[in-house]
Amino acid sequence: MANLITQLQNYRLTTAEIIYHLPDHPKLLQSFIWQEYDLAPKFPELKRFLDFWTKEIDGKLHSVYIASKEIITPSDTRFYDMEVTIQ
């Protein structure tokens, strides 16, 4: 129920691929996938996570790729003039 309320408040399912340098081998890159409900286009949750990453995690960020998709859109909701009785 909380996810539905979140989605109705204009949050979108956001996925970020975070590419970072391995701390012990800086020439090698590693990929990390992060996914959360967030507000586009400012992405405050992702920004908070990336701020945490730069302060607390040794792997230096190389790049971040973001995909964001509304889960519930106006075209998904329809009203029908119908009544169904199940016995």
PDB file of N, CA and C in Angstrom:
ATOM      1  N   MET A   1       0.819  -1.186   0.000  1.00  0.00           N
ATOM      2  CA  MET A   1       0.000   0.000   0.000  1.00  0.00           C
ATOM      3  C   MET A   1       0.870   1.260   0.000  1.00  0.00           C
ATOM      4  N   ALA A   2       1.971   1.220   0.722  1.00  0.00           N
ATOM      5  CA  ALA A   2       2.861   2.383   0.765  1.00  0.00           C
ATOM      6  C   ALA A   2       3.439   2.673  -0.612  1.00  0.00           C
ATOM      7  N   ASN A   3       3.779   1.615  -1.378  1.00  0.00           N
ATOM      8  CA  ASN A   3       4.311   1.833  -2.721  1.00  0.00           C
ATOM      9  C   ASN A   3       3.277   2.481  -3.629  1.00  0.00           C
ATOM     10  N   LEU A   4       2.006   2.090  -3.507  1.00  0.00           N
ATOM     11  CA  LEU A   4       0.954   2.695  -4.313  1.00  0.00           C
ATOM     12  C   LEU A   4       0.825   4.179  -3.997  1.00  0.00           C
ATOM     13  N   ILE A   5       0.820   4.525  -2.728  1.00  0.00           N
ATOM     14  CA  ILE A   5       0.730   5.931  -2.327  1.00  0.00           C
ATOM     15  C   ILE A   5       1.938   6.703  -2.850  1.00  0.00           C
ATOM     16  N   THR A   6       3.105   6.104  -2.757  1.00  0.00           N
ATOM     17  CA  THR A   6       4.324   6.737  -3.265  1.00  0.00           C
ATOM     18  C   THR A   6       4.200   7.004  -4.763  1.00  0.00           C
ATOM     19  N   GLN A   7       3.702   6.016  -5.501  1.00  0.00           N
ATOM     20  CA  GLN A   7       3.567   6.166  -6.946  1.00  0.00           C
ATOM     21  C   GLN A   7       2.552   7.249  -7.299  1.00  0.00           C
ATOM     22  N   LEU A   8       1.495   7.345  -6.525  1.00  0.00           N
ATOM     23  CA  LEU A   8       0.489   8.359  -6.791  1.00  0.00           C
ATOM     24  C   LEU A   8       0.997   9.767  -6.469  1.00  0.00           C
ATOM     25  N   GLN A   9       2.069   9.879  -5.699  1.00  0.00           N
ATOM     26  CA  GLN A   9       2.664  11.176  -5.369  1.00  0.00           C
ATOM     27  C   GLN A   9       3.747  11.561  -6.387  1.00  0.00           C
ATOM     28  N   ASN A  10       3.654  10.987  -7.573  1.00  0.00           N
ATOM     29  CA  ASN A  10       4.525  11.324  -8.699  1.00  0.00           C
ATOM     30  C   ASN A  10       5.938  10.749  -8.603  1.00  0.00           C
ATOM     31  N   TYR A  11       6.157   9.788  -7.739  1.00  0.00           N
ATOM     32  CA  TYR A  11       7.444   9.107  -7.710  1.00  0.00           C
ATOM     33  C   TYR A  11       7.503   8.134  -8.874  1.00  0.00           C
ATOM     34  N   ARG A  12       8.711   7.868  -9.344  1.00  0.00           N
ATOM     35  CA  ARG A  12       8.914   6.939 -10.451  1.00  0.00           C
ATOM     36  C   ARG A  12       9.903   5.871 -10.024  1.00  0.00           C
ATOM     37  N   LEU A  13       9.759   4.707 -10.624  1.00  0.00           N
ATOM     38  CA  LEU A  13      10.751   3.664 -10.386  1.00  0.00           C
ATOM     39  C   LEU A  13      12.018   4.076 -11.119  1.00  0.00           C
ATOM     40  N   THR A  14      13.084   4.260 -10.373  1.00  0.00           N
ATOM     41  CA  THR A  14      14.340   4.752 -10.934  1.00  0.00           C
ATOM     42  C   THR A  14      15.412   3.693 -10.766  1.00  0.00           C
ATOM     43  N   THR A  15      16.100   3.418 -11.853  1.00  0.00           N
ATOM     44  CA  THR A  15      17.208   2.470 -11.840  1.00  0.00           C
ATOM     45  C   THR A  15      18.459   3.209 -12.297  1.00  0.00           C
ATOM     46  N   ALA A  16      19.521   3.047 -11.541  1.00  0.00           N
ATOM     47  CA  ALA A  16      20.792   3.684 -11.899  1.00  0.00           C
ATOM     48  C   ALA A  16      21.877   2.619 -11.988  1.00  0.00           C
ATOM     49  N   GLU A  17      22.616   2.649 -13.081  1.00  0.00           N
ATOM     50  CA  GLU A  17      23.806   1.812 -13.189  1.00  0.00           C
ATOM     51  C   GLU A  17      24.985   2.696 -12.819  1.00  0.00           C
ATOM     52  N   ILE A  18      25.641   2.329 -11.751  1.00  0.00           N
ATOM     53  CA  ILE A  18      26.768   3.117 -11.236  1.00  0.00           C
ATOM     54  C   ILE A  18      28.053   2.387 -11.614  1.00  0.00           C
ATOM     55  N   ILE A  19      28.873   3.052 -12.404  1.00  0.00           N
ATOM     56  CA  ILE A  19      30.165   2.491 -12.810  1.00  0.00           C
ATOM     57  C   ILE A  19      31.229   3.154 -11.936  1.00  0.00           C
ATOM     58  N   TYR A  20      32.043   2.324 -11.304  1.00  0.00           N
ATOM     59  CA  TYR A  20      33.063   2.876 -10.397  1.00  0.00           C
ATOM     60  C   TYR A  20      34.382   2.132 -10.557  1.00  0.00           C
ATOM     61  N   HIS A  21      35.455   2.791 -10.111  1.00  0.00           N
ATOM     62  CA  HIS A  21      36.799   2.209 -10.147  1.00  0.00           C
ATOM     63  C   HIS A  21      36.972   1.301  -8.931  1.00  0.00           C
ATOM     64  N   LEU A  22      37.534   0.134  -9.153  1.00  0.00           N
ATOM     65  CA  LEU A  22      37.836  -0.748  -8.020  1.00  0.00           C
ATOM     66  C   LEU A  22      38.924  -0.107  -7.160  1.00  0.00           C
ATOM     67  N   PRO A  23      38.737  -0.085  -5.847  1.00  0.00           N
ATOM     68  CA  PRO A  23      39.726   0.582  -4.983  1.00  0.00           C
ATOM     69  C   PRO A  23      41.141  -0.005  -5.088  1.00  0.00           C
ATOM     70  N   ASP A  24      41.254  -1.335  -5.171  1.00  0.00           N
ATOM     71  CA  ASP A  24      42.576  -1.967  -5.226  1.00  0.00           C
ATOM     72  C   ASP A  24      43.182  -1.962  -6.632  1.00  0.00           C
ATOM     73  N   HIS A  25      42.331  -1.821  -7.649  1.00  0.00           N
ATOM     74  CA  HIS A  25      42.780  -1.826  -9.046  1.00  0.00           C
ATOM     75  C   HIS A  25      42.052  -0.693  -9.785  1.00  0.00           C
ATOM     76  N   PRO A  26      42.494   0.553  -9.621  1.00  0.00           N
ATOM     77  CA  PRO A  26      41.762   1.710 -10.140  1.00  0.00           C
ATOM     78  C   PRO A  26      41.555   1.727 -11.659  1.00  0.00           C
ATOM     79  N   LYS A  27      42.337   0.952 -12.406  1.00  0.00           N
ATOM     80  CA  LYS A  27      42.148   0.915 -13.857  1.00  0.00           C
ATOM     81  C   LYS A  27      40.981   0.014 -14.261  1.00  0.00           C
ATOM     82  N   LEU A  28      40.507  -0.803 -13.328  1.00  0.00           N
ATOM     83  CA  LEU A  28      39.373  -1.692 -13.608  1.00  0.00           C
ATOM     84  C   LEU A  28      38.077  -1.041 -13.138  1.00  0.00           C
ATOM     85  N   LEU A  29      37.027  -1.238 -13.936  1.00  0.00           N
ATOM     86  CA  LEU A  29      35.718  -0.691 -13.600  1.00  0.00           C
ATOM     87  C   LEU A  29      34.766  -1.808 -13.177  1.00  0.00           C
ATOM     88  N   GLN A  30      33.878  -1.472 -12.275  1.00  0.00           N
ATOM     89  CA  GLN A  30      32.860  -2.401 -11.768  1.00  0.00           C
ATOM     90  C   GLN A  30      31.504  -1.713 -11.908  1.00  0.00           C
ATOM     91  N   SER A  31      30.459  -2.508 -12.057  1.00  0.00           N
ATOM     92  CA  SER A  31      29.111  -1.960 -12.203  1.00  0.00           C
ATOM     93  C   SER A  31      28.278  -2.315 -10.968  1.00  0.00           C
ATOM     94  N   PHE A  32      27.457  -1.369 -10.530  1.00  0.00           N
ATOM     95  CA  PHE A  32      26.550  -1.562  -9.400  1.00  0.00           C
ATOM     96  C   PHE A  32      25.172  -1.047  -9.833  1.00  0.00           C
ATOM     97  N   ILE A  33      24.122  -1.819  -9.587  1.00  0.00           N
ATOM     98  CA  ILE A  33      22.762  -1.410  -9.940  1.00  0.00           C
ATOM     99  C   ILE A  33      22.039  -0.961  -8.676  1.00  0.00           C
ATOM    100  N   TRP A  34      21.473   0.233  -8.734  1.00  0.00           N
ATOM    101  CA  TRP A  34      20.686   0.813  -7.635  1.00  0.00           C
ATOM    102  C   TRP A  34      19.274   1.036  -8.145  1.00  0.00           C
ATOM    103  N   GLN A  35      18.264   0.677  -7.344  1.00  0.00           N
ATOM    104  CA  GLN A  35      16.876   0.870  -7.762  1.00  0.00           C
ATOM    105  C   GLN A  35      16.037   1.312  -6.575  1.00  0.00           C
ATOM    106  N   GLU A  36      15.229   2.355  -6.800  1.00  0.00           N
ATOM    107  CA  GLU A  36      14.398   2.918  -5.740  1.00  0.00           C
ATOM    108  C   GLU A  36      13.341   3.807  -6.380  1.00  0.00           C
ATOM    109  N   TYR A  37      12.289   4.124  -5.633  1.00  0.00           N
ATOM    110  CA  TYR A  37      11.322   5.118  -6.084  1.00  0.00           C
ATOM    111  C   TYR A  37      11.922   6.500  -5.841  1.00  0.00           C
ATOM    112  N   ASP A  38      11.859   7.351  -6.869  1.00  0.00           N
ATOM    113  CA  ASP A  38      12.487   8.663  -6.772  1.00  0.00           C
ATOM    114  C   ASP A  38      11.709   9.671  -7.616  1.00  0.00           C
ATOM    115  N   LEU A  39      11.958  10.938  -7.367  1.00  0.00           N
ATOM    116  CA  LEU A  39      11.281  12.016  -8.087  1.00  0.00           C
ATOM    117  C   LEU A  39      12.160  12.542  -9.217  1.00  0.00           C
ATOM    118  N   ALA A  40      11.671  12.414 -10.448  1.00  0.00           N
ATOM    119  CA  ALA A  40      12.396  12.979 -11.590  1.00  0.00           C
ATOM    120  C   ALA A  40      11.994  14.444 -11.712  1.00  0.00           C
ATOM    121  N   PRO A  41      12.813  15.320 -12.193  1.00  0.00           N
ATOM    122  CA  PRO A  41      14.144  15.110 -12.765  1.00  0.00           C
ATOM    123  C   PRO A  41      15.285  15.363 -11.783  1.00  0.00           C
ATOM    124  N   LYS A  42      14.983  15.739 -10.546  1.00  0.00           N
ATOM    125  CA  LYS A  42      16.062  16.062  -9.598  1.00  0.00           C
ATOM    126  C   LYS A  42      16.637  14.833  -8.900  1.00  0.00           C
ATOM    127  N   PHE A  43      15.870  13.748  -8.790  1.00  0.00           N
ATOM    128  CA  PHE A  43      16.314  12.489  -8.189  1.00  0.00           C
ATOM    129  C   PHE A  43      16.961  12.671  -6.817  1.00  0.00           C
ATOM    130  N   PRO A  44      16.213  13.163  -5.825  1.00  0.00           N
ATOM    131  CA  PRO A  44      16.806  13.405  -4.506  1.00  0.00           C
ATOM    132  C   PRO A  44      17.300  12.133  -3.803  1.00  0.00           C
ATOM    133  N   GLU A  45      16.607  11.012  -3.982  1.00  0.00           N
ATOM    134  CA  GLU A  45      17.047   9.765  -3.341  1.00  0.00           C
ATOM    135  C   GLU A  45      18.366   9.281  -3.948  1.00  0.00           C
ATOM    136  N   LEU A  46      18.482   9.325  -5.259  1.00  0.00           N
ATOM    137  CA  LEU A  46      19.723   8.931  -5.923  1.00  0.00           C
ATOM    138  C   LEU A  46      20.859   9.863  -5.525  1.00  0.00           C
ATOM    139  N   LYS A  47      20.585  11.150  -5.482  1.00  0.00           N
ATOM    140  CA  LYS A  47      21.617  12.117  -5.071  1.00  0.00           C
ATOM    141  C   LYS A  47      22.087  11.827  -3.646  1.00  0.00           C
ATOM    142  N   ARG A  48      21.156  11.511  -2.755  1.00  0.00           N
ATOM    143  CA  ARG A  48      21.508  11.171  -1.374  1.00  0.00           C
ATOM    144  C   ARG A  48      22.397   9.930  -1.340  1.00  0.00           C
ATOM    145  N   PHE A  49      22.038   8.918  -2.165  1.00  0.00           N
ATOM    146  CA  PHE A  49      22.844   7.702  -2.213  1.00  0.00           C
ATOM    147  C   PHE A  49      24.233   7.980  -2.775  1.00  0.00           C
ATOM    148  N   LEU A  50      24.327   8.775  -3.829  1.00  0.00           N
ATOM    149  CA  LEU A  50      25.636   9.079  -4.411  1.00  0.00           C
ATOM    150  C   LEU A  50      26.494   9.928  -3.474  1.00  0.00           C
ATOM    151  N   ASP A  51      25.865  10.813  -2.710  1.00  0.00           N
ATOM    152  CA  ASP A  51      26.605  11.565  -1.685  1.00  0.00           C
ATOM    153  C   ASP A  51      27.175  10.621  -0.633  1.00  0.00           C
ATOM    154  N   PHE A  52      26.358   9.657  -0.198  1.00  0.00           N
ATOM    155  CA  PHE A  52      26.830   8.638   0.749  1.00  0.00           C
ATOM    156  C   PHE A  52      27.993   7.863   0.136  1.00  0.00           C
ATOM    157  N   TRP A  53      27.852   7.484  -1.129  1.00  0.00           N
ATOM    158  CA  TRP A  53      28.889   6.700  -1.819  1.00  0.00           C
ATOM    159  C   TRP A  53      30.219   7.454  -1.802  1.00  0.00           C
ATOM    160  N   THR A  54      30.198   8.725  -2.184  1.00  0.00           N
ATOM    161  CA  THR A  54      31.457   9.474  -2.273  1.00  0.00           C
ATOM    162  C   THR A  54      32.106   9.685  -0.907  1.00  0.00           C
ATOM    163  N   LYS A  55      31.292   9.733   0.160  1.00  0.00           N
ATOM    164  CA  LYS A  55      31.842   9.935   1.500  1.00  0.00           C
ATOM    165  C   LYS A  55      32.299   8.644   2.161  1.00  0.00           C
ATOM    166  N   GLU A  56      31.573   7.543   1.927  1.00  0.00           N
ATOM    167  CA  GLU A  56      31.783   6.330   2.717  1.00  0.00           C
ATOM    168  C   GLU A  56      32.399   5.148   1.964  1.00  0.00           C
ATOM    169  N   ILE A  57      32.364   5.154   0.636  1.00  0.00           N
ATOM    170  CA  ILE A  57      32.832   3.992  -0.131  1.00  0.00           C
ATOM    171  C   ILE A  57      34.097   4.379  -0.887  1.00  0.00           C
ATOM    172  N   ASP A  58      35.078   3.470  -0.889  1.00  0.00           N
ATOM    173  CA  ASP A  58      36.384   3.754  -1.479  1.00  0.00           C
ATOM    174  C   ASP A  58      36.376   3.826  -2.998  1.00  0.00           C
ATOM    175  N   GLY A  59      35.477   3.129  -3.670  1.00  0.00           N
ATOM    176  CA  GLY A  59      35.474   3.105  -5.133  1.00  0.00           C
ATOM    177  C   GLY A  59      35.068   4.444  -5.721  1.00  0.00           C
ATOM    178  N   LYS A  60      35.991   5.093  -6.449  1.00  0.00           N
ATOM    179  CA  LYS A  60      35.715   6.399  -7.054  1.00  0.00           C
ATOM    180  C   LYS A  60      34.719   6.225  -8.206  1.00  0.00           C
ATOM    181  N   LEU A  61      33.709   7.107  -8.245  1.00  0.00           N
ATOM    182  CA  LEU A  61      32.690   7.037  -9.291  1.00  0.00           C
ATOM    183  C   LEU A  61      33.286   7.374 -10.653  1.00  0.00           C
ATOM    184  N   HIS A  62      32.884   6.605 -11.645  1.00  0.00           N
ATOM    185  CA  HIS A  62      33.280   6.862 -13.027  1.00  0.00           C
ATOM    186  C   HIS A  62      32.121   7.489 -13.798  1.00  0.00           C
ATOM    187  N   SER A  63      30.937   6.852 -13.734  1.00  0.00           N
ATOM    188  CA  SER A  63      29.755   7.368 -14.434  1.00  0.00           C
ATOM    189  C   SER A  63      28.490   6.759 -13.831  1.00  0.00           C
ATOM    190  N   VAL A  64      27.371   7.425 -14.097  1.00  0.00           N
ATOM    191  CA  VAL A  64      26.073   6.967 -13.609  1.00  0.00           C
ATOM    192  C   VAL A  64      25.079   7.100 -14.753  1.00  0.00           C
ATOM    193  N   TYR A  65      24.388   6.001 -15.061  1.00  0.00           N
ATOM    194  CA  TYR A  65      23.351   5.990 -16.090  1.00  0.00           C
ATOM    195  C   TYR A  65      22.009   5.797 -15.403  1.00  0.00           C
ATOM    196  N   ILE A  66      21.036   6.647 -15.738  1.00  0.00           N
ATOM    197  CA  ILE A  66      19.759   6.651 -15.040  1.00  0.00           C
ATOM    198  C   ILE A  66      18.628   6.322 -16.009  1.00  0.00           C
ATOM    199  N   ALA A  67      17.730   5.451 -15.561  1.00  0.00           N
ATOM    200  CA  ALA A  67      16.480   5.174 -16.275  1.00  0.00           C
ATOM    201  C   ALA A  67      15.353   5.361 -15.270  1.00  0.00           C
ATOM    202  N   SER A  68      14.285   6.031 -15.708  1.00  0.00           N
ATOM    203  CA  SER A  68      13.177   6.321 -14.810  1.00  0.00           C
ATOM    204  C   SER A  68      11.875   6.112 -15.563  1.00  0.00           C
ATOM    205  N   LYS A  69      10.913   5.443 -14.913  1.00  0.00           N
ATOM    206  CA  LYS A  69       9.651   5.125 -15.565  1.00  0.00           C
ATOM    207  C   LYS A  69       8.511   5.284 -14.588  1.00  0.00           C
ATOM    208  N   GLU A  70       7.469   6.032 -15.026  1.00  0.00           N
ATOM    209  CA  GLU A  70       6.257   6.122 -14.226  1.00  0.00           C
ATOM    210  C   GLU A  70       5.602   4.746 -14.188  1.00  0.00           C
ATOM    211  N   ILE A  71       5.174   4.335 -13.020  1.00  0.00           N
ATOM    212  CA  ILE A  71       4.530   3.038 -12.887  1.00  0.00           C
ATOM    213  C   ILE A  71       3.043   3.157 -13.204  1.00  0.00           C
ATOM    214  N   ILE A  72       2.415   4.164 -12.659  1.00  0.00           N
ATOM    215  CA  ILE A  72       0.999   4.396 -12.894  1.00  0.00           C
ATOM    216  C   ILE A  72       0.864   5.673 -13.718  1.00  0.00           C
ATOM    217  N   THR A  73       0.237   5.558 -14.870  1.00  0.00           N
ATOM    218  CA  THR A  73       0.033   6.717 -15.736  1.00  0.00           C
ATOM    219  C   THR A  73      -1.460   6.922 -15.942  1.00  0.00           C
ATOM    220  N   PRO A  74      -1.878   8.101 -16.371  1.00  0.00           N
ATOM    221  CA  PRO A  74      -3.313   8.357 -16.572  1.00  0.00           C
ATOM    222  C   PRO A  74      -3.980   7.354 -17.512  1.00  0.00           C
ATOM    223  N   SER A  75      -3.252   6.864 -18.498  1.00  0.00           N
ATOM    224  CA  SER A  75      -3.856   5.914 -19.432  1.00  0.00           C
ATOM    225  C   SER A  75      -4.086   4.544 -18.800  1.00  0.00           C
ATOM    226  N   ASP A  76      -3.472   4.279 -17.646  1.00  0.00           N
ATOM    227  CA  ASP A  76      -3.643   2.986 -16.972  1.00  0.00           C
ATOM    228  C   ASP A  76      -4.926   2.913 -16.165  1.00  0.00           C
ATOM    229  N   THR A  77      -5.494   4.037 -15.801  1.00  0.00           N
ATOM    230  CA  THR A  77      -6.699   4.033 -14.985  1.00  0.00           C
ATOM    231  C   THR A  77      -7.909   4.362 -15.848  1.00  0.00           C
ATOM    232  N   ARG A  78      -8.929   3.528 -15.721  1.00  0.00           N
ATOM    233  CA  ARG A  78     -10.152   3.738 -16.485  1.00  0.00           C
ATOM    234  C   ARG A  78     -11.335   3.467 -15.573  1.00  0.00           C
ATOM    235  N   PHE A  79     -12.426   4.163 -15.819  1.00  0.00           N
ATOM    236  CA  PHE A  79     -13.657   3.953 -15.078  1.00  0.00           C
ATOM    237  C   PHE A  79     -14.672   3.276 -16.001  1.00  0.00           C
ATOM    238  N   TYR A  80     -15.317   2.252 -15.472  1.00  0.00           N
ATOM    239  CA  TYR A  80     -16.299   1.517 -16.257  1.00  0.00           C
ATOM    240  C   TYR A  80     -17.666   1.646 -15.611  1.00  0.00           C
ATOM    241  N   ASP A  81     -18.691   1.795 -16.438  1.00  0.00           N
ATOM    242  CA  ASP A  81     -20.054   1.872 -15.953  1.00  0.00           C
ATOM    243  C   ASP A  81     -20.629   0.460 -15.988  1.00  0.00           C
ATOM    244  N   MET A  82     -20.281  -0.329 -14.928  1.00  0.00           N
ATOM    245  CA  MET A  82     -20.630  -1.729 -14.932  1.00  0.00           C
ATOM    246  C   MET A  82     -20.670  -2.234 -13.484  1.00  0.00           C
ATOM    247  N   GLU A  83     -21.510  -3.203 -13.237  1.00  0.00           N
ATOM    248  CA  GLU A  83     -21.584  -3.818 -11.919  1.00  0.00           C
ATOM    249  C   GLU A  83     -21.531  -5.323 -12.103  1.00  0.00           C
ATOM    250  N   VAL A  84     -20.708  -5.993 -11.326  1.00  0.00           N
ATOM    251  CA  VAL A  84     -20.545  -7.446 -11.451  1.00  0.00           C
ATOM    252  C   VAL A  84     -20.849  -8.063 -10.100  1.00  0.00           C
ATOM    253  N   THR A  85     -21.658  -9.105 -10.100  1.00  0.00           N
ATOM    254  CA  THR A  85     -21.978  -9.839  -8.879  1.00  0.00           C
ATOM    255  C   THR A  85     -21.388 -11.232  -9.003  1.00  0.00           C
ATOM    256  N   ILE A  86     -20.609 -11.616  -8.024  1.00  0.00           N
ATOM    257  CA  ILE A  86     -19.999 -12.958  -8.000  1.00  0.00           C
ATOM    258  C   ILE A  86     -20.697 -13.768  -6.927  1.00  0.00           C
ATOM    259  N   GLN A  87     -21.191 -14.938  -7.315  1.00  0.00           N
ATOM    260  CA  GLN A  87     -21.904 -15.795  -6.368  1.00  0.00           C
ATOM    261  C   GLN A  87     -21.100 -17.009  -6.006  1.00  0.00           C
TER     262      GLN A  87
END
